[in-house]
Structure formats: structure tokens, C-alpha cells
N, C-alpha and C. Protein backbone atom coordinates (compact mmCIF):
# COMPACT_ATOMS: atom_id res chain seq x y z
N UNK A 1 0.82 -1.20 0.00
CA UNK A 1 0.00 0.00 0.00
C UNK A 1 0.86 1.25 0.00
N UNK A 2 1.98 1.21 0.72
CA UNK A 2 2.82 2.40 0.77
C UNK A 2 3.46 2.67 -0.58
N UNK A 3 3.74 1.62 -1.37
CA UNK A 3 4.31 1.81 -2.71
C UNK A 3 3.31 2.52 -3.60
N UNK A 4 2.05 2.14 -3.52
CA UNK A 4 1.02 2.80 -4.31
C UNK A 4 0.87 4.26 -3.88
N UNK A 5 0.89 4.51 -2.59
CA UNK A 5 0.81 5.89 -2.11
C UNK A 5 2.01 6.70 -2.58
N UNK A 6 3.19 6.10 -2.50
CA UNK A 6 4.40 6.78 -2.94
C UNK A 6 4.32 7.12 -4.43
N UNK A 7 3.84 6.19 -5.23
CA UNK A 7 3.70 6.43 -6.66
C UNK A 7 2.71 7.56 -6.93
N UNK A 8 1.58 7.54 -6.25
CA UNK A 8 0.58 8.59 -6.47
C UNK A 8 1.03 9.93 -5.91
N UNK A 9 1.72 9.92 -4.79
CA UNK A 9 2.09 11.17 -4.14
C UNK A 9 3.26 11.85 -4.83
N UNK A 10 4.24 11.07 -5.29
CA UNK A 10 5.45 11.67 -5.83
C UNK A 10 5.65 11.41 -7.31
N UNK A 11 5.01 10.39 -7.86
CA UNK A 11 5.22 10.05 -9.26
C UNK A 11 4.29 10.77 -10.21
N UNK A 12 3.09 11.06 -9.76
CA UNK A 12 2.10 11.72 -10.61
C UNK A 12 2.27 13.23 -10.43
N UNK A 13 2.43 13.99 -11.53
CA UNK A 13 2.59 15.44 -11.39
C UNK A 13 1.38 16.08 -10.71
N UNK A 14 1.62 17.19 -10.04
CA UNK A 14 0.57 17.85 -9.26
C UNK A 14 -0.57 18.32 -10.15
N UNK A 15 -0.26 18.73 -11.39
CA UNK A 15 -1.31 19.26 -12.25
C UNK A 15 -2.24 18.15 -12.74
N UNK A 16 -1.75 16.90 -12.77
CA UNK A 16 -2.63 15.78 -13.12
C UNK A 16 -3.63 15.56 -11.99
N UNK A 17 -3.17 15.75 -10.75
CA UNK A 17 -4.09 15.63 -9.62
C UNK A 17 -5.07 16.80 -9.56
N UNK A 18 -4.72 17.92 -10.18
CA UNK A 18 -5.59 19.10 -10.16
C UNK A 18 -6.80 18.93 -11.07
N UNK A 19 -6.67 18.14 -12.13
CA UNK A 19 -7.78 17.98 -13.08
C UNK A 19 -9.04 17.39 -12.43
N UNK A 20 -8.95 16.27 -11.69
CA UNK A 20 -10.17 15.78 -11.02
C UNK A 20 -10.69 16.77 -9.99
N UNK A 21 -9.79 17.49 -9.33
CA UNK A 21 -10.22 18.50 -8.36
C UNK A 21 -11.00 19.61 -9.03
N UNK A 22 -10.53 20.05 -10.19
CA UNK A 22 -11.23 21.09 -10.93
C UNK A 22 -12.61 20.60 -11.38
N UNK A 23 -12.67 19.38 -11.84
CA UNK A 23 -13.97 18.81 -12.24
C UNK A 23 -14.91 18.71 -11.04
N UNK A 24 -14.38 18.36 -9.88
CA UNK A 24 -15.21 18.27 -8.68
C UNK A 24 -15.73 19.65 -8.28
N UNK A 25 -14.90 20.67 -8.41
CA UNK A 25 -15.34 22.03 -8.07
C UNK A 25 -16.43 22.50 -9.03
N UNK A 26 -16.28 22.21 -10.30
CA UNK A 26 -17.30 22.59 -11.29
C UNK A 26 -18.61 21.86 -10.99
N UNK A 27 -18.53 20.57 -10.69
CA UNK A 27 -19.74 19.81 -10.38
C UNK A 27 -20.39 20.32 -9.10
N UNK A 28 -19.58 20.66 -8.12
CA UNK A 28 -20.11 21.19 -6.87
C UNK A 28 -20.76 22.55 -7.08
N UNK A 29 -20.20 23.35 -7.97
CA UNK A 29 -20.79 24.66 -8.26
C UNK A 29 -22.18 24.51 -8.88
N UNK A 30 -22.34 23.50 -9.70
CA UNK A 30 -23.65 23.28 -10.33
C UNK A 30 -24.66 22.71 -9.33
N UNK A 31 -24.16 21.85 -8.42
CA UNK A 31 -25.08 21.17 -7.51
C UNK A 31 -25.35 21.97 -6.24
N UNK A 32 -24.30 22.54 -5.63
CA UNK A 32 -24.46 23.15 -4.31
C UNK A 32 -24.31 24.67 -4.33
N UNK A 33 -23.90 25.23 -5.43
CA UNK A 33 -23.78 26.67 -5.51
C UNK A 33 -22.33 27.15 -5.47
N UNK A 34 -22.16 28.42 -5.79
CA UNK A 34 -20.79 28.95 -5.90
C UNK A 34 -20.07 29.07 -4.55
N UNK A 35 -20.80 29.25 -3.48
CA UNK A 35 -20.15 29.39 -2.17
C UNK A 35 -19.48 28.07 -1.76
N UNK A 36 -20.17 26.97 -1.91
CA UNK A 36 -19.60 25.66 -1.59
C UNK A 36 -18.46 25.33 -2.56
N UNK A 37 -18.61 25.72 -3.81
CA UNK A 37 -17.56 25.47 -4.80
C UNK A 37 -16.31 26.28 -4.47
N UNK A 38 -16.48 27.52 -4.01
CA UNK A 38 -15.33 28.36 -3.65
C UNK A 38 -14.59 27.75 -2.44
N UNK A 39 -15.34 27.26 -1.46
CA UNK A 39 -14.72 26.63 -0.30
C UNK A 39 -13.98 25.36 -0.71
N UNK A 40 -14.61 24.55 -1.52
CA UNK A 40 -13.95 23.32 -1.98
C UNK A 40 -12.73 23.65 -2.84
N UNK A 41 -12.82 24.69 -3.65
CA UNK A 41 -11.68 25.12 -4.46
C UNK A 41 -10.51 25.56 -3.61
N UNK A 42 -10.80 26.26 -2.51
CA UNK A 42 -9.74 26.70 -1.61
C UNK A 42 -9.06 25.50 -0.95
N UNK A 43 -9.85 24.52 -0.54
CA UNK A 43 -9.29 23.32 0.08
C UNK A 43 -8.43 22.55 -0.92
N UNK A 44 -8.94 22.41 -2.13
CA UNK A 44 -8.18 21.70 -3.17
C UNK A 44 -6.90 22.45 -3.51
N UNK A 45 -6.95 23.78 -3.52
CA UNK A 45 -5.75 24.57 -3.79
C UNK A 45 -4.70 24.36 -2.71
N UNK A 46 -5.12 24.29 -1.45
CA UNK A 46 -4.17 24.01 -0.36
C UNK A 46 -3.55 22.62 -0.48
N UNK A 47 -4.37 21.65 -0.80
CA UNK A 47 -3.87 20.29 -0.96
C UNK A 47 -2.88 20.22 -2.11
N UNK A 48 -3.20 20.87 -3.22
CA UNK A 48 -2.31 20.86 -4.38
C UNK A 48 -1.01 21.60 -4.09
N UNK A 49 -1.09 22.69 -3.36
CA UNK A 49 0.13 23.42 -3.00
C UNK A 49 1.03 22.54 -2.12
N UNK A 50 0.43 21.82 -1.20
CA UNK A 50 1.20 20.90 -0.36
C UNK A 50 1.83 19.81 -1.19
N UNK A 51 1.07 19.21 -2.10
CA UNK A 51 1.59 18.15 -2.97
C UNK A 51 2.73 18.66 -3.84
N UNK A 52 2.56 19.87 -4.38
CA UNK A 52 3.60 20.43 -5.25
C UNK A 52 4.89 20.66 -4.45
N UNK A 53 4.77 21.17 -3.24
CA UNK A 53 5.94 21.36 -2.39
C UNK A 53 6.60 20.04 -2.02
N UNK A 54 5.80 19.04 -1.71
CA UNK A 54 6.34 17.73 -1.36
C UNK A 54 7.07 17.11 -2.55
N UNK A 55 6.50 17.25 -3.73
CA UNK A 55 7.14 16.71 -4.93
C UNK A 55 8.44 17.44 -5.22
N UNK A 56 8.46 18.75 -5.03
CA UNK A 56 9.69 19.52 -5.26
C UNK A 56 10.76 19.11 -4.25
N UNK A 57 10.38 18.92 -3.00
CA UNK A 57 11.33 18.49 -1.98
C UNK A 57 11.86 17.10 -2.25
N UNK A 58 11.00 16.20 -2.71
CA UNK A 58 11.42 14.84 -3.03
C UNK A 58 12.40 14.85 -4.21
N UNK A 59 12.11 15.66 -5.23
CA UNK A 59 13.00 15.75 -6.38
C UNK A 59 14.35 16.33 -5.96
N UNK A 60 14.33 17.33 -5.08
CA UNK A 60 15.58 17.93 -4.60
C UNK A 60 16.39 16.90 -3.81
N UNK A 61 15.75 16.14 -2.95
CA UNK A 61 16.45 15.12 -2.16
C UNK A 61 17.04 14.04 -3.07
N UNK A 62 16.31 13.67 -4.11
CA UNK A 62 16.81 12.66 -5.04
C UNK A 62 18.05 13.18 -5.78
N UNK A 63 17.98 14.44 -6.26
CA UNK A 63 19.13 15.02 -6.94
C UNK A 63 20.34 15.13 -6.01
N UNK A 64 20.09 15.52 -4.77
CA UNK A 64 21.18 15.64 -3.80
C UNK A 64 21.81 14.27 -3.53
N UNK A 65 20.99 13.25 -3.40
CA UNK A 65 21.51 11.90 -3.19
C UNK A 65 22.35 11.42 -4.37
N UNK A 66 21.90 11.71 -5.58
CA UNK A 66 22.65 11.32 -6.76
C UNK A 66 23.98 12.08 -6.83
N UNK A 67 23.95 13.36 -6.48
CA UNK A 67 25.19 14.15 -6.48
C UNK A 67 26.17 13.63 -5.43
N UNK A 68 25.65 13.29 -4.25
CA UNK A 68 26.51 12.74 -3.19
C UNK A 68 27.12 11.41 -3.61
N UNK A 69 26.33 10.56 -4.24
CA UNK A 69 26.84 9.27 -4.70
C UNK A 69 27.89 9.47 -5.78
N UNK A 70 27.65 10.40 -6.70
CA UNK A 70 28.62 10.67 -7.75
C UNK A 70 29.93 11.18 -7.15
N UNK A 71 29.83 12.08 -6.15
CA UNK A 71 31.03 12.60 -5.50
C UNK A 71 31.79 11.49 -4.78
N UNK A 72 31.07 10.58 -4.12
CA UNK A 72 31.72 9.46 -3.44
C UNK A 72 32.45 8.56 -4.43
N UNK A 73 31.80 8.26 -5.54
CA UNK A 73 32.44 7.43 -6.55
C UNK A 73 33.66 8.11 -7.16
N UNK A 74 33.56 9.41 -7.40
CA UNK A 74 34.71 10.14 -7.93
C UNK A 74 35.87 10.12 -6.95
N UNK A 75 35.58 10.29 -5.67
CA UNK A 75 36.63 10.24 -4.65
C UNK A 75 37.26 8.86 -4.58
N UNK A 76 36.45 7.81 -4.68
CA UNK A 76 36.97 6.44 -4.65
C UNK A 76 37.85 6.17 -5.87
N UNK A 77 37.40 6.62 -7.04
CA UNK A 77 38.21 6.43 -8.25
C UNK A 77 39.52 7.21 -8.16
N UNK A 78 39.46 8.42 -7.61
CA UNK A 78 40.68 9.22 -7.46
C UNK A 78 41.64 8.56 -6.47
N UNK A 79 41.12 8.01 -5.38
CA UNK A 79 41.97 7.32 -4.40
C UNK A 79 42.60 6.07 -5.02
N UNK A 80 41.82 5.35 -5.80
CA UNK A 80 42.36 4.14 -6.47
C UNK A 80 43.45 4.52 -7.46
N UNK A 81 43.22 5.58 -8.23
CA UNK A 81 44.23 6.02 -9.20
C UNK A 81 45.50 6.49 -8.48
N UNK A 82 45.32 7.20 -7.37
CA UNK A 82 46.48 7.66 -6.60
C UNK A 82 47.26 6.48 -6.04
N UNK A 83 46.57 5.45 -5.55
CA UNK A 83 47.24 4.26 -5.03
C UNK A 83 47.98 3.53 -6.14
N UNK A 84 47.37 3.45 -7.32
CA UNK A 84 48.05 2.80 -8.45
C UNK A 84 49.30 3.57 -8.85
N UNK A 85 49.23 4.89 -8.86
CA UNK A 85 50.41 5.69 -9.20
C UNK A 85 51.48 5.54 -8.12
N UNK A 86 51.08 5.49 -6.87
CA UNK A 86 52.03 5.41 -5.77
C UNK A 86 52.72 4.04 -5.73
N UNK A 87 51.98 2.99 -6.01
CA UNK A 87 52.55 1.65 -5.91
C UNK A 87 53.37 1.26 -7.12
N UNK A 88 53.34 2.04 -8.14
CA UNK A 88 54.17 1.77 -9.31
C UNK A 88 53.63 0.62 -10.13
N UNK A 89 54.45 -0.38 -10.35
CA UNK A 89 54.10 -1.49 -11.22
C UNK A 89 53.26 -2.50 -10.45
N UNK A 90 51.99 -2.31 -10.45
CA UNK A 90 51.11 -3.22 -9.72
C UNK A 90 51.06 -4.59 -10.37
N UNK A 91 51.50 -4.71 -11.60
CA UNK A 91 51.52 -6.01 -12.27
C UNK A 91 52.57 -6.95 -11.72
N UNK A 92 53.53 -6.45 -10.96
CA UNK A 92 54.61 -7.28 -10.42
C UNK A 92 54.29 -7.83 -9.05
N UNK A 93 53.07 -7.63 -8.56
CA UNK A 93 52.73 -8.07 -7.21
C UNK A 93 52.84 -9.59 -7.03
N UNK A 94 52.59 -10.36 -8.06
CA UNK A 94 52.60 -11.82 -7.95
C UNK A 94 53.86 -12.46 -8.56
N UNK A 95 54.87 -11.67 -8.78
CA UNK A 95 56.13 -12.24 -9.29
C UNK A 95 56.71 -13.22 -8.27
N UNK A 96 57.30 -14.26 -8.77
CA UNK A 96 57.87 -15.29 -7.92
C UNK A 96 59.38 -15.08 -7.83
N UNK A 97 59.90 -15.13 -6.62
CA UNK A 97 61.35 -14.93 -6.44
C UNK A 97 62.12 -16.26 -6.40
N UNK A 98 61.41 -17.36 -6.56
CA UNK A 98 62.06 -18.65 -6.58
C UNK A 98 62.18 -19.31 -5.22
N UNK A 99 61.92 -18.60 -4.16
CA UNK A 99 62.02 -19.18 -2.82
C UNK A 99 60.69 -19.80 -2.45
N UNK A 100 60.72 -21.04 -2.03
CA UNK A 100 59.49 -21.74 -1.69
C UNK A 100 59.15 -21.50 -0.24
N UNK A 101 57.98 -20.98 -0.02
CA UNK A 101 57.50 -20.70 1.35
C UNK A 101 56.34 -21.65 1.65
N UNK A 102 56.54 -22.49 2.62
CA UNK A 102 55.48 -23.47 2.95
C UNK A 102 54.71 -23.02 4.14
């Protein structure tokens, strides 16, 4: 259930969620009058503003996480390259000197 909520809350753009809300406000205006429609429109606007902010925050957190991961990988690659340069001929690590060690 939480996966479905996550998909609806963060995967669906806020303006797609606004379309059914707009239709509900129009239907309410015809059935209950403009005062009830204005109140419902205000509530829907608050909900949509909250959703839009949550989606923007989620997108920002995702971008920040990707940037942090990229920086970590770059640092690891740089450390590996520095170790390879420092150790010189890493291909000679398994050379045999002829002495048998049991």
C-alpha cells in the first residue's frame, strides 16, 4: 500500500491531480452553488500546493543523493588512481622470487 501511495504522491505530477479536483469544483458549483464550490476550491488549492511542495522536496532530495553518490564514486576512483600511481608497477605483485615458502 505504501508503494502505491508513494507512486501517487510523488510520481504523478501535481497538475494531473488538479484535473479531477477542478472537475469536482465545477460539479459542486452546479449542484451546491458557488459558495460551496469556492470553499472546496480553496481546500483543493491548499492540498495541491502541499503536494507540489512535497514533490519539489522529493525531487531535490533525489538530486542531492545522486550528487553525493557521484562525489563518493569520484573520490573512490581518485583514491584508487592515486594508489596505483604510488605503488608503481602493480603487475609485479605476484612475481615469484624462486624461494618456496610453505
